[in-house]
Amino acid sequence: MARRHIEEEKENHERWLISYADMVTMLLCLCVLLFALSQVNQKKFD
């Protein structure tokens, strides 16, 4: 007789970490974008 070992799928309690990491990544991209746009050409400004 062959025994079947049925593994129950474990609950992923750290699912929030993926969403949090995505949010932090988007926030970092926004800050880099705003910094890049804030660089003013001094000759044109004068």
N, C-alpha and C. Protein backbone atom coordinates (compact mmCIF):
# COMPACT_ATOMS: atom_id res chain seq x y z
N MET A 1 0.84 -1.19 0.00
CA MET A 1 0.00 0.00 0.00
C MET A 1 0.89 1.25 0.00
N ALA A 2 0.58 2.11 -0.90
CA ALA A 2 1.34 3.36 -0.99
C ALA A 2 0.63 4.42 -0.17
N ARG A 3 1.42 5.10 0.63
CA ARG A 3 0.85 6.19 1.43
C ARG A 3 1.05 7.51 0.69
N ARG A 4 0.03 8.30 0.72
CA ARG A 4 0.13 9.63 0.11
C ARG A 4 0.35 10.65 1.21
N HIS A 5 1.31 11.49 0.96
CA HIS A 5 1.59 12.56 1.92
C HIS A 5 1.06 13.86 1.32
N ILE A 6 -0.03 14.32 1.86
CA ILE A 6 -0.65 15.55 1.37
C ILE A 6 -0.18 16.70 2.26
N GLU A 7 0.56 17.59 1.63
CA GLU A 7 1.06 18.74 2.38
C GLU A 7 0.05 19.88 2.29
N GLU A 8 -0.30 20.41 3.42
CA GLU A 8 -1.19 21.55 3.42
C GLU A 8 -0.41 22.81 3.09
N GLU A 9 -1.03 23.66 2.29
CA GLU A 9 -0.37 24.90 1.90
C GLU A 9 -0.31 25.83 3.11
N LYS A 10 0.89 26.31 3.39
CA LYS A 10 1.07 27.18 4.55
C LYS A 10 0.55 28.57 4.22
N GLU A 11 -0.04 29.21 5.23
CA GLU A 11 -0.49 30.58 5.04
C GLU A 11 0.71 31.50 5.00
N ASN A 12 0.67 32.46 4.09
CA ASN A 12 1.76 33.42 3.96
C ASN A 12 1.41 34.63 4.81
N HIS A 13 2.00 34.71 6.00
CA HIS A 13 1.70 35.81 6.90
C HIS A 13 2.52 37.04 6.57
N GLU A 14 3.46 36.93 5.65
CA GLU A 14 4.30 38.06 5.30
C GLU A 14 3.93 38.63 3.93
N ARG A 15 2.70 38.49 3.53
CA ARG A 15 2.23 39.00 2.25
C ARG A 15 2.26 40.52 2.23
N TRP A 16 2.07 41.15 3.38
CA TRP A 16 2.09 42.62 3.46
C TRP A 16 3.46 43.18 3.10
N LEU A 17 4.52 42.38 3.27
CA LEU A 17 5.87 42.85 3.02
C LEU A 17 6.09 43.17 1.54
N ILE A 18 5.46 42.42 0.66
CA ILE A 18 5.59 42.67 -0.77
C ILE A 18 4.95 44.00 -1.13
N SER A 19 3.77 44.26 -0.61
CA SER A 19 3.10 45.53 -0.88
C SER A 19 3.89 46.69 -0.31
N TYR A 20 4.44 46.51 0.88
CA TYR A 20 5.23 47.55 1.52
C TYR A 20 6.49 47.84 0.71
N ALA A 21 7.15 46.81 0.24
CA ALA A 21 8.37 46.98 -0.56
C ALA A 21 8.04 47.70 -1.87
N ASP A 22 6.92 47.37 -2.49
CA ASP A 22 6.51 48.06 -3.71
C ASP A 22 6.24 49.54 -3.44
N MET A 23 5.60 49.84 -2.33
CA MET A 23 5.31 51.23 -1.99
C MET A 23 6.59 52.02 -1.74
N VAL A 24 7.54 51.43 -1.03
CA VAL A 24 8.80 52.11 -0.75
C VAL A 24 9.58 52.32 -2.05
N THR A 25 9.55 51.36 -2.95
CA THR A 25 10.23 51.49 -4.24
C THR A 25 9.62 52.63 -5.05
N MET A 26 8.30 52.70 -5.09
CA MET A 26 7.64 53.79 -5.82
C MET A 26 7.94 55.14 -5.20
N LEU A 27 8.00 55.20 -3.89
CA LEU A 27 8.32 56.46 -3.21
C LEU A 27 9.75 56.89 -3.54
N LEU A 28 10.67 55.95 -3.57
CA LEU A 28 12.05 56.26 -3.93
C LEU A 28 12.13 56.77 -5.37
N CYS A 29 11.41 56.13 -6.27
CA CYS A 29 11.40 56.58 -7.67
C CYS A 29 10.82 57.99 -7.79
N LEU A 30 9.80 58.29 -7.03
CA LEU A 30 9.21 59.63 -7.05
C LEU A 30 10.21 60.66 -6.56
N CYS A 31 10.93 60.36 -5.49
CA CYS A 31 11.92 61.30 -4.95
C CYS A 31 13.05 61.52 -5.96
N VAL A 32 13.51 60.47 -6.61
CA VAL A 32 14.57 60.61 -7.62
C VAL A 32 14.07 61.45 -8.79
N LEU A 33 12.85 61.22 -9.22
CA LEU A 33 12.27 61.97 -10.32
C LEU A 33 12.15 63.45 -9.97
N LEU A 34 11.65 63.75 -8.77
CA LEU A 34 11.52 65.14 -8.35
C LEU A 34 12.87 65.81 -8.22
N PHE A 35 13.86 65.10 -7.75
CA PHE A 35 15.21 65.65 -7.64
C PHE A 35 15.78 65.94 -9.02
N ALA A 36 15.56 65.03 -9.97
CA ALA A 36 16.06 65.23 -11.32
C ALA A 36 15.40 66.43 -11.99
N LEU A 37 14.14 66.64 -11.73
CA LEU A 37 13.43 67.77 -12.34
C LEU A 37 13.76 69.09 -11.65
N SER A 38 14.30 69.05 -10.47
CA SER A 38 14.56 70.27 -9.73
C SER A 38 15.89 70.91 -10.10
N GLN A 39 16.72 70.24 -10.88
CA GLN A 39 18.00 70.80 -11.28
C GLN A 39 17.78 71.90 -12.31
N VAL A 40 18.16 73.14 -11.95
CA VAL A 40 17.93 74.29 -12.79
C VAL A 40 19.23 74.67 -13.49
N ASN A 41 19.12 74.97 -14.77
CA ASN A 41 20.27 75.46 -15.52
C ASN A 41 20.52 76.90 -15.09
N GLN A 42 21.68 77.18 -14.51
CA GLN A 42 21.97 78.49 -13.93
C GLN A 42 22.02 79.59 -15.00
N LYS A 43 22.51 79.28 -16.21
CA LYS A 43 22.58 80.28 -17.28
C LYS A 43 21.19 80.71 -17.72
N LYS A 44 20.29 79.73 -17.87
CA LYS A 44 18.93 80.07 -18.26
C LYS A 44 18.20 80.81 -17.16
N PHE A 45 18.54 80.51 -15.92
CA PHE A 45 17.89 81.15 -14.79
C PHE A 45 18.29 82.62 -14.70
N ASP A 46 19.54 82.92 -15.00
CA ASP A 46 20.02 84.31 -14.97
C ASP A 46 19.46 85.07 -16.15
